Amino acid sequence: MLATCNGAYIDDRAHALEHSVEVHLPFLQRTLGTAWSLVPIVAGDAPASIVADALEALWAEPATLIVVSTDLSHYHDARTAHRLDAATAAAIVAGNWEQLDGSRTCGVVPVRGALELARRHGGHIELLDLRNSGDTAGPADRVVGYGSFAVR
């Protein structure tokens, strides 16, 4: 089945897999080892406040890591993607979840919720890296943007 994300048609089954737990598990296991627990949360179309409420109980645990996954821009040339993704990253770093919509972040619902939770707790959001698929494995004329952020 095809769906739209950022105005482009994509195979929603493949896109769902890209953001699934199975994709994140190898990275988490490599980084954290195997002595940890996982609590997957599906946000659906919930408002940011509801997602933040769901994550609230986990926030206070000192050993808790919350991971949210989303792509940024889709299928622009690398230069355009860089411009769009830089603006999205600036909104994320500023904690301005109200500026985000599904046109530049497919996973906008969990991102908004995580940013609302960070706002409630005075979390500082840091951009770790901003890239696109043309930087690593693909043509530069049709890229997908990715960002990595940490909340402390």
C-alpha atoms as a PDB file:
ATOM      1  CA  MET A   1       0.000   0.000   0.000  1.00  0.00           C
ATOM      2  CA  LEU A   2       1.305   3.468  -0.814  1.00  0.00           C
ATOM      3  CA  ALA A   3       0.954   6.443   1.498  1.00  0.00           C
ATOM      4  CA  THR A   4       2.255   9.985   1.504  1.00  0.00           C
ATOM      5  CA  CYS A   5       4.945  11.317   3.768  1.00  0.00           C
ATOM      6  CA  ASN A   6       6.236  14.837   3.303  1.00  0.00           C
ATOM      7  CA  GLY A   7       4.214  15.019   0.086  1.00  0.00           C
ATOM      8  CA  ALA A   8       5.912  11.999  -1.492  1.00  0.00           C
ATOM      9  CA  TYR A   9       4.419   8.585  -2.141  1.00  0.00           C
ATOM     10  CA  ILE A  10       6.119   5.820  -0.228  1.00  0.00           C
ATOM     11  CA  ASP A  11       5.521   2.165   0.506  1.00  0.00           C
ATOM     12  CA  ASP A  12       4.020   2.477   3.984  1.00  0.00           C
ATOM     13  CA  ARG A  13       4.933  -1.099   4.962  1.00  0.00           C
ATOM     14  CA  ALA A  14       8.605  -0.456   4.230  1.00  0.00           C
ATOM     15  CA  HIS A  15       8.413   2.944   5.922  1.00  0.00           C
ATOM     16  CA  ALA A  16       6.815   1.453   9.034  1.00  0.00           C
ATOM     17  CA  LEU A  17       9.609  -1.124   9.204  1.00  0.00           C
ATOM     18  CA  GLU A  18      12.194   1.639   8.986  1.00  0.00           C
ATOM     19  CA  HIS A  19      10.868   3.102  12.249  1.00  0.00           C
ATOM     20  CA  SER A  20      10.061  -0.172  13.940  1.00  0.00           C
ATOM     21  CA  VAL A  21      11.552  -1.560  17.116  1.00  0.00           C
ATOM     22  CA  GLU A  22      13.338  -4.278  15.123  1.00  0.00           C
ATOM     23  CA  VAL A  23      15.459  -1.662  13.364  1.00  0.00           C
ATOM     24  CA  HIS A  24      16.475   0.063  16.599  1.00  0.00           C
ATOM     25  CA  LEU A  25      17.175  -3.070  18.622  1.00  0.00           C
ATOM     26  CA  PRO A  26      20.594  -3.916  17.110  1.00  0.00           C
ATOM     27  CA  PHE A  27      21.855  -0.381  17.750  1.00  0.00           C
ATOM     28  CA  LEU A  28      20.544  -0.370  21.302  1.00  0.00           C
ATOM     29  CA  GLN A  29      21.967  -3.821  22.036  1.00  0.00           C
ATOM     30  CA  ARG A  30      25.363  -2.853  20.647  1.00  0.00           C
ATOM     31  CA  THR A  31      25.422   0.357  22.693  1.00  0.00           C
ATOM     32  CA  LEU A  32      23.730  -0.774  25.905  1.00  0.00           C
ATOM     33  CA  GLY A  33      24.474  -4.496  25.970  1.00  0.00           C
ATOM     34  CA  THR A  34      21.631  -6.874  26.752  1.00  0.00           C
ATOM     35  CA  ALA A  35      20.768  -6.164  30.415  1.00  0.00           C
ATOM     36  CA  TRP A  36      17.904  -3.735  29.878  1.00  0.00           C
ATOM     37  CA  SER A  37      14.153  -3.693  29.286  1.00  0.00           C
ATOM     38  CA  LEU A  38      12.134  -2.216  26.439  1.00  0.00           C
ATOM     39  CA  VAL A  39       8.724  -0.546  26.651  1.00  0.00           C
ATOM     40  CA  PRO A  40       7.457   0.204  23.125  1.00  0.00           C
ATOM     41  CA  ILE A  41       4.825   2.931  22.876  1.00  0.00           C
ATOM     42  CA  VAL A  42       2.742   3.608  19.771  1.00  0.00           C
ATOM     43  CA  ALA A  43       1.598   7.229  19.655  1.00  0.00           C
ATOM     44  CA  GLY A  44      -0.930   7.117  16.798  1.00  0.00           C
ATOM     45  CA  ASP A  45      -2.464  10.570  16.325  1.00  0.00           C
ATOM     46  CA  ALA A  46      -2.405  11.582  19.988  1.00  0.00           C
ATOM     47  CA  PRO A  47      -1.859  15.213  20.973  1.00  0.00           C
ATOM     48  CA  ALA A  48       1.603  16.134  22.275  1.00  0.00           C
ATOM     49  CA  SER A  49       0.304  16.465  25.830  1.00  0.00           C
ATOM     50  CA  ILE A  50      -1.068  12.901  25.836  1.00  0.00           C
ATOM     51  CA  VAL A  51       2.194  11.460  24.488  1.00  0.00           C
ATOM     52  CA  ALA A  52       4.133  13.464  27.089  1.00  0.00           C
ATOM     53  CA  ASP A  53       1.794  12.184  29.812  1.00  0.00           C
ATOM     54  CA  ALA A  54       2.456   8.586  28.699  1.00  0.00           C
ATOM     55  CA  LEU A  55       6.219   9.161  28.854  1.00  0.00           C
ATOM     56  CA  GLU A  56       6.079  11.082  32.143  1.00  0.00           C
ATOM     57  CA  ALA A  57       6.342   8.012  34.377  1.00  0.00           C
ATOM     58  CA  LEU A  58       9.488   6.912  32.556  1.00  0.00           C
ATOM     59  CA  TRP A  59      11.187  10.325  32.666  1.00  0.00           C
ATOM     60  CA  ALA A  60      12.019  10.236  36.380  1.00  0.00           C
ATOM     61  CA  GLU A  61      13.891   6.948  36.168  1.00  0.00           C
ATOM     62  CA  PRO A  62      17.615   7.791  36.035  1.00  0.00           C
ATOM     63  CA  ALA A  63      18.517   4.806  33.875  1.00  0.00           C
ATOM     64  CA  THR A  64      15.741   5.396  31.323  1.00  0.00           C
ATOM     65  CA  LEU A  65      16.465   6.140  27.679  1.00  0.00           C
ATOM     66  CA  ILE A  66      13.586   7.363  25.516  1.00  0.00           C
ATOM     67  CA  VAL A  67      14.103   6.831  21.773  1.00  0.00           C
ATOM     68  CA  VAL A  68      11.883   8.526  19.182  1.00  0.00           C
ATOM     69  CA  SER A  69      12.300   7.831  15.481  1.00  0.00           C
ATOM     70  CA  THR A  70      11.345   9.927  12.464  1.00  0.00           C
ATOM     71  CA  ASP A  71      12.670  10.885   9.067  1.00  0.00           C
ATOM     72  CA  LEU A  72      12.940  14.507   8.109  1.00  0.00           C
ATOM     73  CA  SER A  73      12.483  15.735   4.521  1.00  0.00           C
ATOM     74  CA  HIS A  74      11.796  13.284   1.695  1.00  0.00           C
ATOM     75  CA  TYR A  75      12.884  13.142  -1.928  1.00  0.00           C
ATOM     76  CA  HIS A  76      14.325  16.615  -2.434  1.00  0.00           C
ATOM     77  CA  ASP A  77      17.753  17.315  -3.855  1.00  0.00           C
ATOM     78  CA  ALA A  78      20.470  17.421  -1.201  1.00  0.00           C
ATOM     79  CA  ARG A  79      20.706  21.216  -1.097  1.00  0.00           C
ATOM     80  CA  THR A  80      16.952  21.683  -0.620  1.00  0.00           C
ATOM     81  CA  ALA A  81      16.837  18.883   1.939  1.00  0.00           C
ATOM     82  CA  HIS A  82      19.667  20.484   3.896  1.00  0.00           C
ATOM     83  CA  ARG A  83      17.784  23.804   4.036  1.00  0.00           C
ATOM     84  CA  LEU A  84      14.485  22.189   5.067  1.00  0.00           C
ATOM     85  CA  ASP A  85      16.097  19.867   7.600  1.00  0.00           C
ATOM     86  CA  ALA A  86      18.132  22.693   9.142  1.00  0.00           C
ATOM     87  CA  ALA A  87      14.899  24.617   9.765  1.00  0.00           C
ATOM     88  CA  THR A  88      13.262  21.524  11.263  1.00  0.00           C
ATOM     89  CA  ALA A  89      16.322  20.868  13.432  1.00  0.00           C
ATOM     90  CA  ALA A  90      16.253  24.470  14.665  1.00  0.00           C
ATOM     91  CA  ALA A  91      12.613  24.066  15.736  1.00  0.00           C
ATOM     92  CA  ILE A  92      13.457  20.802  17.517  1.00  0.00           C
ATOM     93  CA  VAL A  93      16.473  22.278  19.322  1.00  0.00           C
ATOM     94  CA  ALA A  94      14.357  25.253  20.391  1.00  0.00           C
ATOM     95  CA  GLY A  95      11.716  22.832  21.671  1.00  0.00           C
ATOM     96  CA  ASN A  96       9.094  24.455  19.467  1.00  0.00           C
ATOM     97  CA  TRP A  97       7.040  21.367  18.747  1.00  0.00           C
ATOM     98  CA  GLU A  98       4.132  23.547  17.632  1.00  0.00           C
ATOM     99  CA  GLN A  99       6.151  24.465  14.514  1.00  0.00           C
ATOM    100  CA  LEU A 100       6.469  20.830  13.439  1.00  0.00           C
ATOM    101  CA  ASP A 101       4.025  19.068  11.163  1.00  0.00           C
ATOM    102  CA  GLY A 102       3.984  15.935   9.067  1.00  0.00           C
ATOM    103  CA  SER A 103       5.265  17.742   5.995  1.00  0.00           C
ATOM    104  CA  ARG A 104       8.850  17.659   7.298  1.00  0.00           C
ATOM    105  CA  THR A 105       8.729  15.001  10.022  1.00  0.00           C
ATOM    106  CA  CYS A 106       6.856  11.754   9.357  1.00  0.00           C
ATOM    107  CA  GLY A 107       6.984  10.825  13.038  1.00  0.00           C
ATOM    108  CA  VAL A 108       5.728  14.204  14.169  1.00  0.00           C
ATOM    109  CA  VAL A 109       3.402  12.811  16.872  1.00  0.00           C
ATOM    110  CA  PRO A 110       6.073  11.151  19.046  1.00  0.00           C
ATOM    111  CA  VAL A 111       8.541  13.987  18.358  1.00  0.00           C
ATOM    112  CA  ARG A 112       6.002  16.562  19.541  1.00  0.00           C
ATOM    113  CA  GLY A 113       5.288  14.491  22.662  1.00  0.00           C
ATOM    114  CA  ALA A 114       8.965  14.081  23.509  1.00  0.00           C
ATOM    115  CA  LEU A 115       9.560  17.799  23.036  1.00  0.00           C
ATOM    116  CA  GLU A 116       6.576  18.627  25.258  1.00  0.00           C
ATOM    117  CA  LEU A 117       7.997  16.322  27.931  1.00  0.00           C
ATOM    118  CA  ALA A 118      11.401  18.018  27.629  1.00  0.00           C
ATOM    119  CA  ARG A 119       9.714  21.414  27.939  1.00  0.00           C
ATOM    120  CA  ARG A 120       7.929  20.352  31.129  1.00  0.00           C
ATOM    121  CA  HIS A 121      11.221  19.323  32.703  1.00  0.00           C
ATOM    122  CA  GLY A 122      13.426  22.109  31.359  1.00  0.00           C
ATOM    123  CA  GLY A 123      15.361  19.687  29.169  1.00  0.00           C
ATOM    124  CA  HIS A 124      18.111  21.047  26.947  1.00  0.00           C
ATOM    125  CA  ILE A 125      17.883  19.715  23.389  1.00  0.00           C
ATOM    126  CA  GLU A 126      21.123  19.275  21.487  1.00  0.00           C
ATOM    127  CA  LEU A 127      21.604  18.537  17.802  1.00  0.00           C
ATOM    128  CA  LEU A 128      24.103  15.677  17.525  1.00  0.00           C
ATOM    129  CA  ASP A 129      24.128  15.263  13.740  1.00  0.00           C
ATOM    130  CA  LEU A 130      22.116  16.199  10.659  1.00  0.00           C
ATOM    131  CA  ARG A 131      22.547  14.227   7.440  1.00  0.00           C
ATOM    132  CA  ASN A 132      20.704  12.861   4.466  1.00  0.00           C
ATOM    133  CA  SER A 133      20.819   9.632   2.520  1.00  0.00           C
ATOM    134  CA  GLY A 134      22.988  11.261  -0.163  1.00  0.00           C
ATOM    135  CA  ASP A 135      25.752  11.679   2.426  1.00  0.00           C
ATOM    136  CA  THR A 136      26.198   7.932   2.801  1.00  0.00           C
ATOM    137  CA  ALA A 137      24.502   5.689   0.280  1.00  0.00           C
ATOM    138  CA  GLY A 138      22.575   7.171  -2.554  1.00  0.00           C
ATOM    139  CA  PRO A 139      22.223   9.823  -5.201  1.00  0.00           C
ATOM    140  CA  ALA A 140      22.121  13.475  -4.138  1.00  0.00           C
ATOM    141  CA  ASP A 141      19.154  14.340  -6.343  1.00  0.00           C
ATOM    142  CA  ARG A 142      16.517  12.519  -4.237  1.00  0.00           C
ATOM    143  CA  VAL A 143      17.407  12.199  -0.567  1.00  0.00           C
ATOM    144  CA  VAL A 144      15.781  11.532   2.809  1.00  0.00           C
ATOM    145  CA  GLY A 145      16.864  13.652   5.759  1.00  0.00           C
ATOM    146  CA  TYR A 146      17.812  12.339   9.201  1.00  0.00           C
ATOM    147  CA  GLY A 147      18.724  14.054  12.430  1.00  0.00           C
ATOM    148  CA  SER A 148      20.005  12.884  15.780  1.00  0.00           C
ATOM    149  CA  PHE A 149      19.180  14.809  18.938  1.00  0.00           C
ATOM    150  CA  ALA A 150      19.712  14.355  22.666  1.00  0.00           C
ATOM    151  CA  VAL A 151      17.656  15.789  25.499  1.00  0.00           C
ATOM    152  CA  ARG A 152      19.516  16.316  28.750  1.00  0.00           C
END
